[in-house]
Amino acid sequence: MSINSYAIVAIVMIAMTAVPVSAQTATTEAEAKAAEAKAASNKAKRENLKSATAGTAKGYTGSAADGSAAAASHKNMPRTAPDSASKQAAMKSATAGTAKGYTGAAADASAKAAADKSPRPNLPKPQAGTPELNKVVP
């Protein structure tokens, strides 16, 4: 090989390595940005999962123990529940509307209508040549 061929080979080698290096730099920058975005996404997912499962950290036994302690602190406190008669009165007033049922309510309405003795309004009589006079009654 001559010196010119060595120079050409060297120039080609430099050109071949120069293009991938600049492309490689751009690729590594893009990969770095993608890696940063993926890391941020994974961190957000971990924090979201941690906040969603924070209430289950104690587990069943720990929650039961807390509930038991709260109940024990109220064990000997006086109760303010109403007496039996007022409970019955409240229940009776709450269910008073359903005691009669449909038939009883219909009977009451019928009795009220029968007891109504108010005069009925007079209906206007149709005049000759009006459409009301030409109606056929089945």
C-alpha atoms as a PDB file:
ATOM      1  CA  MET A   1       0.000   0.000   0.000  1.00  0.00           C
ATOM      2  CA  SER A   2       1.098   3.454  -0.726  1.00  0.00           C
ATOM      3  CA  ILE A   3       1.036   6.420   1.584  1.00  0.00           C
ATOM      4  CA  ASN A   4      -2.018   7.799  -0.143  1.00  0.00           C
ATOM      5  CA  SER A   5      -3.926   4.585   0.458  1.00  0.00           C
ATOM      6  CA  TYR A   6      -2.929   4.672   4.109  1.00  0.00           C
ATOM      7  CA  ALA A   7      -4.172   8.263   4.343  1.00  0.00           C
ATOM      8  CA  ILE A   8      -7.439   7.343   2.699  1.00  0.00           C
ATOM      9  CA  VAL A   9      -7.895   4.385   5.043  1.00  0.00           C
ATOM     10  CA  ALA A  10      -7.131   6.624   8.036  1.00  0.00           C
ATOM     11  CA  ILE A  11      -9.578   9.274   6.856  1.00  0.00           C
ATOM     12  CA  VAL A  12     -12.266   6.643   6.343  1.00  0.00           C
ATOM     13  CA  MET A  13     -11.564   5.181   9.793  1.00  0.00           C
ATOM     14  CA  ILE A  14     -11.805   8.622  11.400  1.00  0.00           C
ATOM     15  CA  ALA A  15     -14.999   9.391   9.519  1.00  0.00           C
ATOM     16  CA  MET A  16     -16.516   6.065  10.555  1.00  0.00           C
ATOM     17  CA  THR A  17     -15.711   6.571  14.199  1.00  0.00           C
ATOM     18  CA  ALA A  18     -16.627  10.249  14.214  1.00  0.00           C
ATOM     19  CA  VAL A  19     -20.206   9.773  13.059  1.00  0.00           C
ATOM     20  CA  PRO A  20     -21.089   7.117  15.594  1.00  0.00           C
ATOM     21  CA  VAL A  21     -19.480   9.104  18.405  1.00  0.00           C
ATOM     22  CA  SER A  22     -21.670  12.137  17.747  1.00  0.00           C
ATOM     23  CA  ALA A  23     -24.690   9.882  17.252  1.00  0.00           C
ATOM     24  CA  GLN A  24     -23.700   7.957  20.345  1.00  0.00           C
ATOM     25  CA  THR A  25     -23.586  11.175  22.378  1.00  0.00           C
ATOM     26  CA  ALA A  26     -27.061  12.120  21.214  1.00  0.00           C
ATOM     27  CA  THR A  27     -28.272   8.618  21.969  1.00  0.00           C
ATOM     28  CA  THR A  28     -26.810   8.641  25.462  1.00  0.00           C
ATOM     29  CA  GLU A  29     -28.418  12.019  26.186  1.00  0.00           C
ATOM     30  CA  ALA A  30     -31.793  10.719  25.005  1.00  0.00           C
ATOM     31  CA  GLU A  31     -31.292   7.523  26.992  1.00  0.00           C
ATOM     32  CA  ALA A  32     -30.368   9.558  30.063  1.00  0.00           C
ATOM     33  CA  LYS A  33     -33.531  11.660  29.721  1.00  0.00           C
ATOM     34  CA  ALA A  34     -35.631   8.530  29.256  1.00  0.00           C
ATOM     35  CA  ALA A  35     -33.985   6.918  32.288  1.00  0.00           C
ATOM     36  CA  GLU A  36     -34.658  10.030  34.384  1.00  0.00           C
ATOM     37  CA  ALA A  37     -38.300  10.071  33.292  1.00  0.00           C
ATOM     38  CA  LYS A  38     -38.670   6.360  34.069  1.00  0.00           C
ATOM     39  CA  ALA A  39     -37.064   6.812  37.485  1.00  0.00           C
ATOM     40  CA  ALA A  40     -39.405   9.708  38.284  1.00  0.00           C
ATOM     41  CA  SER A  41     -42.386   7.635  37.153  1.00  0.00           C
ATOM     42  CA  ASN A  42     -41.305   4.674  39.280  1.00  0.00           C
ATOM     43  CA  LYS A  43     -40.802   6.942  42.303  1.00  0.00           C
ATOM     44  CA  ALA A  44     -44.299   8.413  41.862  1.00  0.00           C
ATOM     45  CA  LYS A  45     -45.751   4.900  41.602  1.00  0.00           C
ATOM     46  CA  ARG A  46     -43.958   3.801  44.789  1.00  0.00           C
ATOM     47  CA  GLU A  47     -45.208   6.860  46.685  1.00  0.00           C
ATOM     48  CA  ASN A  48     -48.747   6.333  45.411  1.00  0.00           C
ATOM     49  CA  LEU A  49     -48.684   2.690  46.505  1.00  0.00           C
ATOM     50  CA  LYS A  50     -47.229   3.634  49.882  1.00  0.00           C
ATOM     51  CA  SER A  51     -49.958   6.216  50.511  1.00  0.00           C
ATOM     52  CA  ALA A  52     -52.668   3.797  49.373  1.00  0.00           C
ATOM     53  CA  THR A  53     -51.503   1.047  51.732  1.00  0.00           C
ATOM     54  CA  ALA A  54     -50.628   3.272  54.699  1.00  0.00           C
ATOM     55  CA  GLY A  55     -53.807   2.306  56.551  1.00  0.00           C
ATOM     56  CA  THR A  56     -52.945  -1.387  56.395  1.00  0.00           C
ATOM     57  CA  ALA A  57     -49.551  -0.970  58.050  1.00  0.00           C
ATOM     58  CA  LYS A  58     -50.879  -2.097  61.448  1.00  0.00           C
ATOM     59  CA  GLY A  59     -52.644  -5.077  60.020  1.00  0.00           C
ATOM     60  CA  TYR A  60     -55.711  -6.769  61.453  1.00  0.00           C
ATOM     61  CA  THR A  61     -54.271  -7.468  64.892  1.00  0.00           C
ATOM     62  CA  GLY A  62     -52.992  -3.934  65.466  1.00  0.00           C
ATOM     63  CA  SER A  63     -56.315  -2.408  64.440  1.00  0.00           C
ATOM     64  CA  ALA A  64     -58.210  -4.836  66.650  1.00  0.00           C
ATOM     65  CA  ALA A  65     -55.996  -3.935  69.586  1.00  0.00           C
ATOM     66  CA  ASP A  66     -56.678  -0.226  69.047  1.00  0.00           C
ATOM     67  CA  GLY A  67     -60.423  -0.859  68.880  1.00  0.00           C
ATOM     68  CA  SER A  68     -60.284  -2.949  72.024  1.00  0.00           C
ATOM     69  CA  ALA A  69     -58.395  -0.242  73.899  1.00  0.00           C
ATOM     70  CA  ALA A  70     -60.939   2.385  72.818  1.00  0.00           C
ATOM     71  CA  ALA A  71     -63.828   0.170  73.950  1.00  0.00           C
ATOM     72  CA  ALA A  72     -62.176  -0.504  77.292  1.00  0.00           C
ATOM     73  CA  SER A  73     -61.799   3.221  77.948  1.00  0.00           C
ATOM     74  CA  HIS A  74     -65.600   3.652  77.562  1.00  0.00           C
ATOM     75  CA  LYS A  75     -66.628   0.495  79.395  1.00  0.00           C
ATOM     76  CA  ASN A  76     -67.834   1.962  82.704  1.00  0.00           C
ATOM     77  CA  MET A  77     -69.278   5.211  81.364  1.00  0.00           C
ATOM     78  CA  PRO A  78     -72.990   5.834  82.047  1.00  0.00           C
ATOM     79  CA  ARG A  79     -75.268   5.391  79.049  1.00  0.00           C
ATOM     80  CA  THR A  80     -77.629   8.050  77.824  1.00  0.00           C
ATOM     81  CA  ALA A  81     -80.036   5.740  76.008  1.00  0.00           C
ATOM     82  CA  PRO A  82     -83.740   6.629  76.407  1.00  0.00           C
ATOM     83  CA  ASP A  83     -86.059   4.498  78.460  1.00  0.00           C
ATOM     84  CA  SER A  84     -88.162   1.718  76.982  1.00  0.00           C
ATOM     85  CA  ALA A  85     -91.412   3.735  76.753  1.00  0.00           C
ATOM     86  CA  SER A  86     -89.854   6.511  74.695  1.00  0.00           C
ATOM     87  CA  LYS A  87     -88.240   3.929  72.388  1.00  0.00           C
ATOM     88  CA  GLN A  88     -91.654   2.338  71.827  1.00  0.00           C
ATOM     89  CA  ALA A  89     -93.278   5.702  71.169  1.00  0.00           C
ATOM     90  CA  ALA A  90     -90.594   6.579  68.635  1.00  0.00           C
ATOM     91  CA  MET A  91     -91.038   3.249  66.860  1.00  0.00           C
ATOM     92  CA  LYS A  92     -94.808   3.628  66.816  1.00  0.00           C
ATOM     93  CA  SER A  93     -94.638   7.107  65.289  1.00  0.00           C
ATOM     94  CA  ALA A  94     -92.100   5.949  62.702  1.00  0.00           C
ATOM     95  CA  THR A  95     -94.273   3.045  61.551  1.00  0.00           C
ATOM     96  CA  ALA A  96     -97.690   4.712  61.901  1.00  0.00           C
ATOM     97  CA  GLY A  97     -98.010   5.339  58.169  1.00  0.00           C
ATOM     98  CA  THR A  98     -97.411   1.709  57.281  1.00  0.00           C
ATOM     99  CA  ALA A  99     -99.788   0.203  59.854  1.00  0.00           C
ATOM    100  CA  LYS A 100    -102.929   0.565  57.720  1.00  0.00           C
ATOM    101  CA  GLY A 101    -101.404  -0.535  54.482  1.00  0.00           C
ATOM    102  CA  TYR A 102    -102.878   0.228  51.062  1.00  0.00           C
ATOM    103  CA  THR A 103    -106.357  -1.146  51.741  1.00  0.00           C
ATOM    104  CA  GLY A 104    -106.775   0.733  55.007  1.00  0.00           C
ATOM    105  CA  ALA A 105    -105.642   3.996  53.440  1.00  0.00           C
ATOM    106  CA  ALA A 106    -108.033   3.472  50.511  1.00  0.00           C
ATOM    107  CA  ALA A 107    -110.891   2.793  52.918  1.00  0.00           C
ATOM    108  CA  ASP A 108    -110.153   5.985  54.835  1.00  0.00           C
ATOM    109  CA  ALA A 109    -110.132   8.010  51.612  1.00  0.00           C
ATOM    110  CA  SER A 110    -113.424   6.435  50.544  1.00  0.00           C
ATOM    111  CA  ALA A 111    -115.055   7.197  53.897  1.00  0.00           C
ATOM    112  CA  LYS A 112    -113.839  10.788  53.715  1.00  0.00           C
ATOM    113  CA  ALA A 113    -115.283  11.183  50.201  1.00  0.00           C
ATOM    114  CA  ALA A 114    -118.626   9.690  51.282  1.00  0.00           C
ATOM    115  CA  ALA A 115    -118.831  12.042  54.255  1.00  0.00           C
ATOM    116  CA  ASP A 116    -118.217  15.052  52.019  1.00  0.00           C
ATOM    117  CA  LYS A 117    -121.617  16.651  51.441  1.00  0.00           C
ATOM    118  CA  SER A 118    -120.467  19.798  49.689  1.00  0.00           C
ATOM    119  CA  PRO A 119    -122.476  20.715  46.550  1.00  0.00           C
ATOM    120  CA  ARG A 120    -120.991  19.622  43.288  1.00  0.00           C
ATOM    121  CA  PRO A 121    -120.179  22.296  40.708  1.00  0.00           C
ATOM    122  CA  ASN A 122    -122.536  22.535  37.751  1.00  0.00           C
ATOM    123  CA  LEU A 123    -121.047  21.384  34.490  1.00  0.00           C
ATOM    124  CA  PRO A 124    -121.617  23.655  31.498  1.00  0.00           C
ATOM    125  CA  LYS A 125    -124.066  22.233  28.961  1.00  0.00           C
ATOM    126  CA  PRO A 126    -122.826  22.035  25.384  1.00  0.00           C
ATOM    127  CA  GLN A 127    -124.345  24.514  22.978  1.00  0.00           C
ATOM    128  CA  ALA A 128    -125.653  23.621  19.544  1.00  0.00           C
ATOM    129  CA  GLY A 129    -122.951  23.582  16.887  1.00  0.00           C
ATOM    130  CA  THR A 130    -120.040  22.993  19.255  1.00  0.00           C
ATOM    131  CA  PRO A 131    -117.717  19.984  19.032  1.00  0.00           C
ATOM    132  CA  GLU A 132    -118.721  18.799  22.519  1.00  0.00           C
ATOM    133  CA  LEU A 133    -122.255  18.170  21.302  1.00  0.00           C
ATOM    134  CA  ASN A 134    -121.044  15.998  18.417  1.00  0.00           C
ATOM    135  CA  LYS A 135    -118.954  13.671  20.614  1.00  0.00           C
ATOM    136  CA  VAL A 136    -120.013  10.060  20.566  1.00  0.00           C
ATOM    137  CA  VAL A 137    -120.240   8.558  24.028  1.00  0.00           C
ATOM    138  CA  PRO A 138    -119.335   4.869  24.036  1.00  0.00           C
END
